Amino acid sequence: MEGIQHKTVSVNGINMHVAEKGEGPLILFIHGFPELWYSWRHQITALAALGYRALAPDLRGYGGTDAPDSASDYTCFHVVGDLIALLDAVAPPEKAEKVFVVGHDWGAIIAWYLCLFRPDRVKALFNLSVPYIPYNPRFKPVETWKAFFGNDHYIVRFQEPGVMEEEFAEIGVGRAVLDLLSYRVPDPLLLPKGNLFGHPPDAPVDLPPWLSQQDADYYATQFEKTGITGALNYYRNFDRNWELTAAWWKSEIKVPVKFAMGDRDLVYTMPGMKDYIHGGGFKRDVPLLEEAVVIKGVSHWIHLEIPDEINQLMFDFFSKFH
């Protein structure tokens, strides 16, 4: 895309691909699953035009960034370590430059961890689709999802190394990624063996309006090249992350935050989520939460579906901290 520069930065023992555009206060964009830096294309160009320096890496295991072989190398500490090393390279702490952070999906989860572990590096956070879910010793993540949704729930299905890789390979990993990116209903995503997305594998993917064929080709090509194991390894660390963050029980996110999601997001319809967001729990755990915006008729892919509205919300929020 015009004006976006690409480079590779050595961080935390891996080589990380980064897309960058603009000059000014730095915004770190953190993508989710199964995405890439490319998912922030609308935000990169818009915020760069508004006077910001937009920085969007491929996370470890994705795209042009290295993918360590072991699933144990994808904990929250590894990924936050990558991002801190990236910031050290592009926004050295000795200059006392805090940065703006934006996350979506798994990127939102990582952004919460970044703010929890290193609030000294974050000026403000604009997060999308996944609210802060603090450590709770009573609820181990994977067994909790299994209890709610059964063995076919996508998070449960992603746990066993090699299993979903093989099943996705049967229909083509690029096609599987496009099916995932096209999932836009508020129901739990179930992936029963032999009927992963509920339609014949030779049927065309019903792309949403916000994904052009050119966009689809880019995602499919990248994942066909790299495979999807690195991306799935994030899910294989849900329970490990829960164990590793026990020391942060009852800790708060202590940076300024604005949050947005769609009311047709499958995360919004999870058991207890609406009450947590609107009933005071979210504000309790994130005391500097300015607002949690829930936008009607919008799915999980909020930054792609309504980019102009999201860009404006982001700009208005970040403008308060200059």
C-alpha atoms as a PDB file:
ATOM      1  CA  MET A   1       0.000   0.000   0.000  1.00  0.00           C
ATOM      2  CA  GLU A   2       1.233   3.452  -0.888  1.00  0.00           C
ATOM      3  CA  GLY A   3       3.680   5.002   1.538  1.00  0.00           C
ATOM      4  CA  ILE A   4       3.806   2.081   3.973  1.00  0.00           C
ATOM      5  CA  GLN A   5       7.387   1.058   4.653  1.00  0.00           C
ATOM      6  CA  HIS A   6       8.398  -2.448   5.624  1.00  0.00           C
ATOM      7  CA  LYS A   7      11.418  -3.497   7.638  1.00  0.00           C
ATOM      8  CA  THR A   8      12.700  -6.315   9.805  1.00  0.00           C
ATOM      9  CA  VAL A   9      13.735  -5.626  13.397  1.00  0.00           C
ATOM     10  CA  SER A  10      15.667  -7.989  15.658  1.00  0.00           C
ATOM     11  CA  VAL A  11      13.682  -8.344  18.891  1.00  0.00           C
ATOM     12  CA  ASN A  12      13.849 -10.754  21.808  1.00  0.00           C
ATOM     13  CA  GLY A  13      15.736 -13.426  19.852  1.00  0.00           C
ATOM     14  CA  ILE A  14      13.542 -13.340  16.730  1.00  0.00           C
ATOM     15  CA  ASN A  15      13.265 -11.275  13.552  1.00  0.00           C
ATOM     16  CA  MET A  16      10.050  -9.266  13.418  1.00  0.00           C
ATOM     17  CA  HIS A  17       8.447  -7.835  10.292  1.00  0.00           C
ATOM     18  CA  VAL A  18       7.042  -4.352  10.833  1.00  0.00           C
ATOM     19  CA  ALA A  19       4.910  -2.074   8.657  1.00  0.00           C
ATOM     20  CA  GLU A  20       5.240   1.650   9.335  1.00  0.00           C
ATOM     21  CA  LYS A  21       3.947   4.968   8.067  1.00  0.00           C
ATOM     22  CA  GLY A  22       3.875   8.564   9.225  1.00  0.00           C
ATOM     23  CA  GLU A  23       5.643  10.864  11.644  1.00  0.00           C
ATOM     24  CA  GLY A  24       4.555  12.035  15.061  1.00  0.00           C
ATOM     25  CA  PRO A  25       3.418  10.337  18.277  1.00  0.00           C
ATOM     26  CA  LEU A  26       3.804   6.578  17.926  1.00  0.00           C
ATOM     27  CA  ILE A  27       0.828   4.209  17.782  1.00  0.00           C
ATOM     28  CA  LEU A  28       1.595   0.500  18.181  1.00  0.00           C
ATOM     29  CA  PHE A  29      -1.055  -1.644  16.441  1.00  0.00           C
ATOM     30  CA  ILE A  30      -1.326  -5.271  17.642  1.00  0.00           C
ATOM     31  CA  HIS A  31      -3.251  -7.652  15.390  1.00  0.00           C
ATOM     32  CA  GLY A  32      -5.339 -10.681  16.324  1.00  0.00           C
ATOM     33  CA  PHE A  33      -6.154 -14.153  14.964  1.00  0.00           C
ATOM     34  CA  PRO A  34      -5.943 -15.104  12.155  1.00  0.00           C
ATOM     35  CA  GLU A  35      -4.653 -11.735  11.036  1.00  0.00           C
ATOM     36  CA  LEU A  36      -1.509  -9.842  10.094  1.00  0.00           C
ATOM     37  CA  TRP A  37      -0.202  -6.275  10.095  1.00  0.00           C
ATOM     38  CA  TYR A  38      -2.417  -5.947   7.002  1.00  0.00           C
ATOM     39  CA  SER A  39      -5.568  -5.929   9.140  1.00  0.00           C
ATOM     40  CA  TRP A  40      -4.586  -2.417  10.278  1.00  0.00           C
ATOM     41  CA  ARG A  41      -4.211  -1.042   6.743  1.00  0.00           C
ATOM     42  CA  HIS A  42      -7.135   1.383   7.109  1.00  0.00           C
ATOM     43  CA  GLN A  43      -5.905   2.625  10.480  1.00  0.00           C
ATOM     44  CA  ILE A  44      -2.257   2.959   9.376  1.00  0.00           C
ATOM     45  CA  THR A  45      -3.064   5.215   6.431  1.00  0.00           C
ATOM     46  CA  ALA A  46      -5.705   7.269   8.269  1.00  0.00           C
ATOM     47  CA  LEU A  47      -3.761   7.891  11.474  1.00  0.00           C
ATOM     48  CA  ALA A  48      -0.538   8.606   9.584  1.00  0.00           C
ATOM     49  CA  ALA A  49      -2.438  11.262   7.616  1.00  0.00           C
ATOM     50  CA  LEU A  50      -3.601  12.754  10.930  1.00  0.00           C
ATOM     51  CA  GLY A  51      -0.063  13.234  12.236  1.00  0.00           C
ATOM     52  CA  TYR A  52       0.826   9.941  13.899  1.00  0.00           C
ATOM     53  CA  ARG A  53       3.564   7.382  13.359  1.00  0.00           C
ATOM     54  CA  ALA A  54       1.739   4.083  12.869  1.00  0.00           C
ATOM     55  CA  LEU A  55       3.677   0.897  13.616  1.00  0.00           C
ATOM     56  CA  ALA A  56       2.114  -2.528  12.938  1.00  0.00           C
ATOM     57  CA  PRO A  57       4.180  -5.696  13.391  1.00  0.00           C
ATOM     58  CA  ASP A  58       3.386  -9.235  12.430  1.00  0.00           C
ATOM     59  CA  LEU A  59       3.386 -10.964  15.827  1.00  0.00           C
ATOM     60  CA  ARG A  60       5.653 -13.963  16.393  1.00  0.00           C
ATOM     61  CA  GLY A  61       4.362 -16.929  14.410  1.00  0.00           C
ATOM     62  CA  TYR A  62       2.681 -14.737  11.804  1.00  0.00           C
ATOM     63  CA  GLY A  63       3.523 -13.451   8.340  1.00  0.00           C
ATOM     64  CA  GLY A  64       7.048 -12.140   7.926  1.00  0.00           C
ATOM     65  CA  THR A  65       8.020 -12.599  11.582  1.00  0.00           C
ATOM     66  CA  ASP A  66       9.877 -15.671  12.814  1.00  0.00           C
ATOM     67  CA  ALA A  67       7.817 -18.574  14.154  1.00  0.00           C
ATOM     68  CA  PRO A  68       9.567 -20.499  16.953  1.00  0.00           C
ATOM     69  CA  ASP A  69       8.852 -24.234  16.767  1.00  0.00           C
ATOM     70  CA  SER A  70       7.783 -24.859  20.352  1.00  0.00           C
ATOM     71  CA  ALA A  71       4.288 -23.924  21.523  1.00  0.00           C
ATOM     72  CA  SER A  72       5.845 -23.027  24.875  1.00  0.00           C
ATOM     73  CA  ASP A  73       7.501 -20.034  23.163  1.00  0.00           C
ATOM     74  CA  TYR A  74       4.172 -18.242  22.687  1.00  0.00           C
ATOM     75  CA  THR A  75       3.246 -17.207  26.239  1.00  0.00           C
ATOM     76  CA  CYS A  76       2.098 -13.695  27.064  1.00  0.00           C
ATOM     77  CA  PHE A  77       5.584 -12.957  28.388  1.00  0.00           C
ATOM     78  CA  HIS A  78       7.258 -13.945  25.128  1.00  0.00           C
ATOM     79  CA  VAL A  79       4.910 -11.814  23.051  1.00  0.00           C
ATOM     80  CA  VAL A  80       4.984  -8.777  25.342  1.00  0.00           C
ATOM     81  CA  GLY A  81       8.767  -9.189  25.457  1.00  0.00           C
ATOM     82  CA  ASP A  82       8.843  -8.947  21.658  1.00  0.00           C
ATOM     83  CA  LEU A  83       6.825  -5.728  21.733  1.00  0.00           C
ATOM     84  CA  ILE A  84       8.900  -4.114  24.468  1.00  0.00           C
ATOM     85  CA  ALA A  85      12.047  -4.934  22.481  1.00  0.00           C
ATOM     86  CA  LEU A  86      10.406  -3.414  19.405  1.00  0.00           C
ATOM     87  CA  LEU A  87       9.557  -0.257  21.333  1.00  0.00           C
ATOM     88  CA  ASP A  88      13.106  -0.131  22.679  1.00  0.00           C
ATOM     89  CA  ALA A  89      14.301  -0.113  19.088  1.00  0.00           C
ATOM     90  CA  VAL A  90      11.902   2.513  17.763  1.00  0.00           C
ATOM     91  CA  ALA A  91      10.960   4.533  20.890  1.00  0.00           C
ATOM     92  CA  PRO A  92      13.871   4.211  23.349  1.00  0.00           C
ATOM     93  CA  PRO A  93      12.818   4.453  27.009  1.00  0.00           C
ATOM     94  CA  GLU A  94      15.692   6.830  27.784  1.00  0.00           C
ATOM     95  CA  LYS A  95      13.784   9.402  25.732  1.00  0.00           C
ATOM     96  CA  ALA A  96      10.823   8.858  28.086  1.00  0.00           C
ATOM     97  CA  GLU A  97       8.499   8.421  25.122  1.00  0.00           C
ATOM     98  CA  LYS A  98       5.365   6.536  26.053  1.00  0.00           C
ATOM     99  CA  VAL A  99       3.346   5.200  23.141  1.00  0.00           C
ATOM    100  CA  PHE A 100      -0.276   4.793  22.193  1.00  0.00           C
ATOM    101  CA  VAL A 101      -1.417   1.169  21.815  1.00  0.00           C
ATOM    102  CA  VAL A 102      -4.271  -0.333  19.793  1.00  0.00           C
ATOM    103  CA  GLY A 103      -5.234  -4.013  19.879  1.00  0.00           C
ATOM    104  CA  HIS A 104      -7.898  -6.298  18.454  1.00  0.00           C
ATOM    105  CA  ASP A 105      -8.835  -9.894  19.330  1.00  0.00           C
ATOM    106  CA  TRP A 106      -5.618 -11.660  20.474  1.00  0.00           C
ATOM    107  CA  GLY A 107      -3.920  -8.317  19.932  1.00  0.00           C
ATOM    108  CA  ALA A 108      -6.307  -6.850  22.515  1.00  0.00           C
ATOM    109  CA  ILE A 109      -5.402  -9.617  24.967  1.00  0.00           C
ATOM    110  CA  ILE A 110      -1.702  -8.929  24.413  1.00  0.00           C
ATOM    111  CA  ALA A 111      -2.332  -5.192  24.778  1.00  0.00           C
ATOM    112  CA  TRP A 112      -3.982  -5.780  28.173  1.00  0.00           C
ATOM    113  CA  TYR A 113      -0.956  -7.821  29.241  1.00  0.00           C
ATOM    114  CA  LEU A 114       1.371  -5.088  27.970  1.00  0.00           C
ATOM    115  CA  CYS A 115      -0.451  -2.508  30.076  1.00  0.00           C
ATOM    116  CA  LEU A 116      -0.531  -4.834  33.082  1.00  0.00           C
ATOM    117  CA  PHE A 117       3.187  -5.656  32.956  1.00  0.00           C
ATOM    118  CA  ARG A 118       4.631  -2.380  31.626  1.00  0.00           C
ATOM    119  CA  PRO A 119       2.261   0.559  32.174  1.00  0.00           C
ATOM    120  CA  ASP A 120       5.332   2.795  32.175  1.00  0.00           C
ATOM    121  CA  ARG A 121       5.588   2.377  28.387  1.00  0.00           C
ATOM    122  CA  VAL A 122       1.946   3.124  27.500  1.00  0.00           C
ATOM    123  CA  LYS A 123       0.402   6.570  27.170  1.00  0.00           C
ATOM    124  CA  ALA A 124      -3.123   5.320  26.443  1.00  0.00           C
ATOM    125  CA  LEU A 125      -4.824   2.189  25.101  1.00  0.00           C
ATOM    126  CA  PHE A 126      -7.607   1.921  22.526  1.00  0.00           C
ATOM    127  CA  ASN A 127      -8.745  -1.705  22.550  1.00  0.00           C
ATOM    128  CA  LEU A 128     -11.207  -3.572  20.388  1.00  0.00           C
ATOM    129  CA  SER A 129     -13.463  -6.627  20.773  1.00  0.00           C
ATOM    130  CA  VAL A 130     -11.939  -8.323  23.837  1.00  0.00           C
ATOM    131  CA  PRO A 131     -12.331  -6.592  27.222  1.00  0.00           C
ATOM    132  CA  TYR A 132      -9.881  -7.094  30.054  1.00  0.00           C
ATOM    133  CA  ILE A 133     -10.561 -10.453  31.677  1.00  0.00           C
ATOM    134  CA  PRO A 134      -8.496 -10.576  34.878  1.00  0.00           C
ATOM    135  CA  TYR A 135      -6.967 -13.682  36.382  1.00  0.00           C
ATOM    136  CA  ASN A 136      -9.471 -15.678  38.421  1.00  0.00           C
ATOM    137  CA  PRO A 137      -8.161 -18.687  40.364  1.00  0.00           C
ATOM    138  CA  ARG A 138     -11.554 -20.419  40.168  1.00  0.00           C
ATOM    139  CA  PHE A 139     -11.788 -20.576  36.385  1.00  0.00           C
ATOM    140  CA  LYS A 140      -9.133 -22.305  34.321  1.00  0.00           C
ATOM    141  CA  PRO A 141      -9.756 -21.005  30.799  1.00  0.00           C
ATOM    142  CA  VAL A 142      -9.945 -24.048  28.519  1.00  0.00           C
ATOM    143  CA  GLU A 143     -11.998 -26.232  30.854  1.00  0.00           C
ATOM    144  CA  THR A 144     -14.343 -23.273  31.412  1.00  0.00           C
ATOM    145  CA  TRP A 145     -14.965 -22.878  27.665  1.00  0.00           C
ATOM    146  CA  LYS A 146     -15.429 -26.629  27.348  1.00  0.00           C
ATOM    147  CA  ALA A 147     -18.029 -26.568  30.122  1.00  0.00           C
ATOM    148  CA  PHE A 148     -19.938 -23.735  28.440  1.00  0.00           C
ATOM    149  CA  PHE A 149     -19.670 -24.728  24.786  1.00  0.00           C
ATOM    150  CA  GLY A 150     -18.544 -28.352  24.536  1.00  0.00           C
ATOM    151  CA  ASN A 151     -15.663 -30.106  22.793  1.00  0.00           C
ATOM    152  CA  ASP A 152     -16.305 -28.553  19.370  1.00  0.00           C
ATOM    153  CA  HIS A 153     -15.705 -24.986  20.538  1.00  0.00           C
ATOM    154  CA  TYR A 154     -12.856 -23.561  18.496  1.00  0.00           C
ATOM    155  CA  ILE A 155     -10.644 -22.764  21.512  1.00  0.00           C
ATOM    156  CA  VAL A 156     -11.015 -26.337  22.784  1.00  0.00           C
ATOM    157  CA  ARG A 157     -10.376 -27.756  19.312  1.00  0.00           C
ATOM    158  CA  PHE A 158      -7.211 -25.667  18.901  1.00  0.00           C
ATOM    159  CA  GLN A 159      -5.495 -27.159  21.975  1.00  0.00           C
ATOM    160  CA  GLU A 160      -3.975 -30.400  20.641  1.00  0.00           C
ATOM    161  CA  PRO A 161      -0.854 -29.706  18.546  1.00  0.00           C
ATOM    162  CA  GLY A 162      -1.160 -30.847  14.957  1.00  0.00           C
ATOM    163  CA  VAL A 163      -4.850 -31.743  14.985  1.00  0.00           C
ATOM    164  CA  MET A 164      -6.342 -28.560  13.568  1.00  0.00           C
ATOM    165  CA  GLU A 165      -3.339 -28.043  11.312  1.00  0.00           C
ATOM    166  CA  GLU A 166      -4.170 -31.363   9.662  1.00  0.00           C
ATOM    167  CA  GLU A 167      -7.879 -30.627   9.388  1.00  0.00           C
ATOM    168  CA  PHE A 168      -7.272 -27.141   7.987  1.00  0.00           C
ATOM    169  CA  ALA A 169      -4.801 -28.604   5.497  1.00  0.00           C
ATOM    170  CA  GLU A 170      -7.537 -30.875   4.152  1.00  0.00           C
ATOM    171  CA  ILE A 171      -9.531 -27.851   2.981  1.00  0.00           C
ATOM    172  CA  GLY A 172      -6.488 -25.614   2.458  1.00  0.00           C
ATOM    173  CA  VAL A 173      -5.108 -23.406   5.208  1.00  0.00           C
ATOM    174  CA  GLY A 174      -5.663 -20.274   3.136  1.00  0.00           C
ATOM    175  CA  ARG A 175      -9.305 -21.167   2.690  1.00  0.00           C
ATOM    176  CA  ALA A 176      -9.654 -21.953   6.414  1.00  0.00           C
ATOM    177  CA  VAL A 177      -8.264 -18.513   7.280  1.00  0.00           C
ATOM    178  CA  LEU A 178     -10.790 -16.862   4.960  1.00  0.00           C
ATOM    179  CA  ASP A 179     -13.630 -18.854   6.550  1.00  0.00           C
ATOM    180  CA  LEU A 180     -12.472 -17.640   9.961  1.00  0.00           C
ATOM    181  CA  LEU A 181     -12.189 -14.024   8.796  1.00  0.00           C
ATOM    182  CA  SER A 182     -15.688 -14.296   7.300  1.00  0.00           C
ATOM    183  CA  TYR A 183     -17.313 -15.490  10.534  1.00  0.00           C
ATOM    184  CA  ARG A 184     -19.615 -12.636  11.458  1.00  0.00           C
ATOM    185  CA  VAL A 185     -22.445 -14.006  13.590  1.00  0.00           C
ATOM    186  CA  PRO A 186     -22.711 -13.542  17.360  1.00  0.00           C
ATOM    187  CA  ASP A 187     -22.858 -17.265  18.116  1.00  0.00           C
ATOM    188  CA  PRO A 188     -19.992 -19.385  19.520  1.00  0.00           C
ATOM    189  CA  LEU A 189     -17.672 -20.640  16.789  1.00  0.00           C
ATOM    190  CA  LEU A 190     -17.916 -24.437  16.680  1.00  0.00           C
ATOM    191  CA  LEU A 191     -15.641 -26.525  14.454  1.00  0.00           C
ATOM    192  CA  PRO A 192     -16.948 -30.107  14.386  1.00  0.00           C
ATOM    193  CA  LYS A 193     -14.568 -32.553  12.782  1.00  0.00           C
ATOM    194  CA  GLY A 194     -15.510 -33.278   9.163  1.00  0.00           C
ATOM    195  CA  ASN A 195     -17.809 -30.233   8.951  1.00  0.00           C
ATOM    196  CA  LEU A 196     -15.595 -27.356  10.041  1.00  0.00           C
ATOM    197  CA  PHE A 197     -17.513 -24.397   8.671  1.00  0.00           C
ATOM    198  CA  GLY A 198     -20.832 -25.980   7.830  1.00  0.00           C
ATOM    199  CA  HIS A 199     -20.494 -26.028   4.065  1.00  0.00           C
ATOM    200  CA  PRO A 200     -18.787 -28.225   1.443  1.00  0.00           C
ATOM    201  CA  PRO A 201     -15.032 -27.561   1.146  1.00  0.00           C
ATOM    202  CA  ASP A 202     -15.403 -26.804  -2.554  1.00  0.00           C
ATOM    203  CA  ALA A 203     -18.091 -24.152  -1.994  1.00  0.00           C
ATOM    204  CA  PRO A 204     -16.832 -20.559  -2.415  1.00  0.00           C
ATOM    205  CA  VAL A 205     -16.161 -18.610   0.773  1.00  0.00           C
ATOM    206  CA  ASP A 206     -18.858 -16.027   1.435  1.00  0.00           C
ATOM    207  CA  LEU A 207     -16.560 -13.046   1.916  1.00  0.00           C
ATOM    208  CA  PRO A 208     -17.977 -10.138   3.936  1.00  0.00           C
ATOM    209  CA  PRO A 209     -18.306  -6.734   2.248  1.00  0.00           C
ATOM    210  CA  TRP A 210     -15.211  -5.396   4.006  1.00  0.00           C
ATOM    211  CA  LEU A 211     -12.909  -8.077   2.533  1.00  0.00           C
ATOM    212  CA  SER A 212     -12.143  -7.623  -1.158  1.00  0.00           C
ATOM    213  CA  GLN A 213     -10.842 -10.479  -3.253  1.00  0.00           C
ATOM    214  CA  GLN A 214      -7.461  -8.754  -3.206  1.00  0.00           C
ATOM    215  CA  ASP A 215      -7.545  -8.688   0.607  1.00  0.00           C
ATOM    216  CA  ALA A 216      -8.574 -12.346   0.687  1.00  0.00           C
ATOM    217  CA  ASP A 217      -5.756 -13.318  -1.640  1.00  0.00           C
ATOM    218  CA  TYR A 218      -3.210 -11.544   0.555  1.00  0.00           C
ATOM    219  CA  TYR A 219      -4.296 -13.357   3.729  1.00  0.00           C
ATOM    220  CA  ALA A 220      -4.591 -16.719   1.996  1.00  0.00           C
ATOM    221  CA  THR A 221      -1.194 -16.419   0.340  1.00  0.00           C
ATOM    222  CA  GLN A 222       0.560 -15.431   3.561  1.00  0.00           C
ATOM    223  CA  PHE A 223      -0.896 -18.285   5.595  1.00  0.00           C
ATOM    224  CA  GLU A 224      -0.337 -20.811   2.831  1.00  0.00           C
ATOM    225  CA  LYS A 225       3.308 -19.752   2.955  1.00  0.00           C
ATOM    226  CA  THR A 226       3.782 -19.808   6.759  1.00  0.00           C
ATOM    227  CA  GLY A 227       1.176 -22.319   7.926  1.00  0.00           C
ATOM    228  CA  ILE A 228      -1.068 -21.657  10.897  1.00  0.00           C
ATOM    229  CA  THR A 229       0.748 -23.419  13.750  1.00  0.00           C
ATOM    230  CA  GLY A 230       2.296 -20.223  15.123  1.00  0.00           C
ATOM    231  CA  ALA A 231      -1.110 -18.563  15.260  1.00  0.00           C
ATOM    232  CA  LEU A 232      -2.723 -21.567  16.967  1.00  0.00           C
ATOM    233  CA  ASN A 233       0.051 -21.663  19.559  1.00  0.00           C
ATOM    234  CA  TYR A 234      -1.401 -18.543  21.184  1.00  0.00           C
ATOM    235  CA  TYR A 235      -4.518 -20.558  22.041  1.00  0.00           C
ATOM    236  CA  ARG A 236      -2.349 -23.411  23.328  1.00  0.00           C
ATOM    237  CA  ASN A 237      -1.039 -21.013  25.963  1.00  0.00           C
ATOM    238  CA  PHE A 238      -4.373 -19.855  27.384  1.00  0.00           C
ATOM    239  CA  ASP A 239      -4.021 -22.127  30.417  1.00  0.00           C
ATOM    240  CA  ARG A 240      -0.286 -21.475  30.704  1.00  0.00           C
ATOM    241  CA  ASN A 241      -0.852 -17.721  30.690  1.00  0.00           C
ATOM    242  CA  TRP A 242      -3.474 -18.200  33.395  1.00  0.00           C
ATOM    243  CA  GLU A 243      -0.929 -20.071  35.512  1.00  0.00           C
ATOM    244  CA  LEU A 244       1.862 -17.561  34.863  1.00  0.00           C
ATOM    245  CA  THR A 245      -0.213 -14.509  35.779  1.00  0.00           C
ATOM    246  CA  ALA A 246      -1.451 -15.732  39.166  1.00  0.00           C
ATOM    247  CA  ALA A 247       0.713 -13.056  40.813  1.00  0.00           C
ATOM    248  CA  TRP A 248      -1.455 -10.377  39.171  1.00  0.00           C
ATOM    249  CA  TRP A 249      -4.680 -11.550  40.821  1.00  0.00           C
ATOM    250  CA  LYS A 250      -6.893  -8.536  41.598  1.00  0.00           C
ATOM    251  CA  SER A 251      -4.493  -6.194  39.785  1.00  0.00           C
ATOM    252  CA  GLU A 252      -5.921  -3.287  37.827  1.00  0.00           C
ATOM    253  CA  ILE A 253      -5.075  -1.878  34.408  1.00  0.00           C
ATOM    254  CA  LYS A 254      -3.715   1.561  35.288  1.00  0.00           C
ATOM    255  CA  VAL A 255      -3.471   3.355  31.957  1.00  0.00           C
ATOM    256  CA  PRO A 256      -6.187   5.443  30.257  1.00  0.00           C
ATOM    257  CA  VAL A 257      -8.397   3.202  28.109  1.00  0.00           C
ATOM    258  CA  LYS A 258     -11.182   3.458  25.579  1.00  0.00           C
ATOM    259  CA  PHE A 259     -12.853   0.269  24.399  1.00  0.00           C
ATOM    260  CA  ALA A 260     -15.149  -0.572  21.484  1.00  0.00           C
ATOM    261  CA  MET A 261     -16.853  -3.695  20.163  1.00  0.00           C
ATOM    262  CA  GLY A 262     -19.859  -4.668  18.079  1.00  0.00           C
ATOM    263  CA  ASP A 263     -23.053  -6.109  19.519  1.00  0.00           C
ATOM    264  CA  ARG A 264     -22.796  -8.937  16.967  1.00  0.00           C
ATOM    265  CA  ASP A 265     -19.350  -9.924  18.211  1.00  0.00           C
ATOM    266  CA  LEU A 266     -19.165 -13.521  19.441  1.00  0.00           C
ATOM    267  CA  VAL A 267     -17.168 -12.238  22.436  1.00  0.00           C
ATOM    268  CA  TYR A 268     -19.990  -9.873  23.451  1.00  0.00           C
ATOM    269  CA  THR A 269     -22.485 -12.734  23.593  1.00  0.00           C
ATOM    270  CA  MET A 270     -20.308 -14.996  25.786  1.00  0.00           C
ATOM    271  CA  PRO A 271     -21.942 -15.917  29.123  1.00  0.00           C
ATOM    272  CA  GLY A 272     -21.640 -13.069  31.612  1.00  0.00           C
ATOM    273  CA  MET A 273     -19.868 -10.680  29.219  1.00  0.00           C
ATOM    274  CA  LYS A 274     -22.608  -8.076  28.856  1.00  0.00           C
ATOM    275  CA  ASP A 275     -23.063  -7.876  32.616  1.00  0.00           C
ATOM    276  CA  TYR A 276     -19.299  -7.557  33.126  1.00  0.00           C
ATOM    277  CA  ILE A 277     -18.994  -4.741  30.586  1.00  0.00           C
ATOM    278  CA  HIS A 278     -22.101  -2.793  31.578  1.00  0.00           C
ATOM    279  CA  GLY A 279     -22.538  -3.807  35.232  1.00  0.00           C
ATOM    280  CA  GLY A 280     -19.408  -2.249  36.705  1.00  0.00           C
ATOM    281  CA  GLY A 281     -16.937  -5.136  36.612  1.00  0.00           C
ATOM    282  CA  PHE A 282     -14.999  -3.814  33.633  1.00  0.00           C
ATOM    283  CA  LYS A 283     -14.714  -0.329  35.162  1.00  0.00           C
ATOM    284  CA  ARG A 284     -13.623  -1.865  38.473  1.00  0.00           C
ATOM    285  CA  ASP A 285     -10.765  -3.734  36.825  1.00  0.00           C
ATOM    286  CA  VAL A 286      -9.868  -0.856  34.469  1.00  0.00           C
ATOM    287  CA  PRO A 287     -10.467   2.236  36.633  1.00  0.00           C
ATOM    288  CA  LEU A 288      -9.199   4.665  33.960  1.00  0.00           C
ATOM    289  CA  LEU A 289     -11.679   3.291  31.408  1.00  0.00           C
ATOM    290  CA  GLU A 290     -13.169   6.346  29.751  1.00  0.00           C
ATOM    291  CA  GLU A 291     -15.903   4.493  27.894  1.00  0.00           C
ATOM    292  CA  ALA A 292     -16.894   1.073  26.568  1.00  0.00           C
ATOM    293  CA  VAL A 293     -18.661   1.654  23.257  1.00  0.00           C
ATOM    294  CA  VAL A 294     -20.876  -1.124  21.887  1.00  0.00           C
ATOM    295  CA  ILE A 295     -21.866  -0.461  18.288  1.00  0.00           C
ATOM    296  CA  LYS A 296     -25.085  -1.964  16.961  1.00  0.00           C
ATOM    297  CA  GLY A 297     -25.046  -4.293  13.983  1.00  0.00           C
ATOM    298  CA  VAL A 298     -21.260  -4.694  13.927  1.00  0.00           C
ATOM    299  CA  SER A 299     -19.386  -8.000  14.117  1.00  0.00           C
ATOM    300  CA  HIS A 300     -16.065  -9.092  15.595  1.00  0.00           C
ATOM    301  CA  TRP A 301     -14.055  -7.528  12.740  1.00  0.00           C
ATOM    302  CA  ILE A 302     -14.968  -4.035  13.829  1.00  0.00           C
ATOM    303  CA  HIS A 303     -11.839  -2.227  12.584  1.00  0.00           C
ATOM    304  CA  LEU A 304     -12.356  -3.682   9.103  1.00  0.00           C
ATOM    305  CA  GLU A 305     -16.139  -3.367   9.012  1.00  0.00           C
ATOM    306  CA  ILE A 306     -16.427   0.292  10.057  1.00  0.00           C
ATOM    307  CA  PRO A 307     -12.878   1.661   9.730  1.00  0.00           C
ATOM    308  CA  ASP A 308     -13.840   5.331   9.427  1.00  0.00           C
ATOM    309  CA  GLU A 309     -15.852   5.295  12.649  1.00  0.00           C
ATOM    310  CA  ILE A 310     -13.123   3.414  14.518  1.00  0.00           C
ATOM    311  CA  ASN A 311     -10.439   5.745  13.202  1.00  0.00           C
ATOM    312  CA  GLN A 312     -12.410   8.756  14.403  1.00  0.00           C
ATOM    313  CA  LEU A 313     -12.986   7.269  17.861  1.00  0.00           C
ATOM    314  CA  MET A 314      -9.287   6.472  18.103  1.00  0.00           C
ATOM    315  CA  PHE A 315      -8.194   9.932  16.943  1.00  0.00           C
ATOM    316  CA  ASP A 316     -10.574  11.729  19.298  1.00  0.00           C
ATOM    317  CA  PHE A 317      -9.351   9.640  22.234  1.00  0.00           C
ATOM    318  CA  PHE A 318      -5.619   9.916  21.555  1.00  0.00           C
ATOM    319  CA  SER A 319      -5.904  13.669  20.877  1.00  0.00           C
ATOM    320  CA  LYS A 320      -6.611  14.192  24.577  1.00  0.00           C
ATOM    321  CA  PHE A 321      -3.083  13.114  25.533  1.00  0.00           C
ATOM    322  CA  HIS A 322      -0.948  15.460  23.433  1.00  0.00           C
END
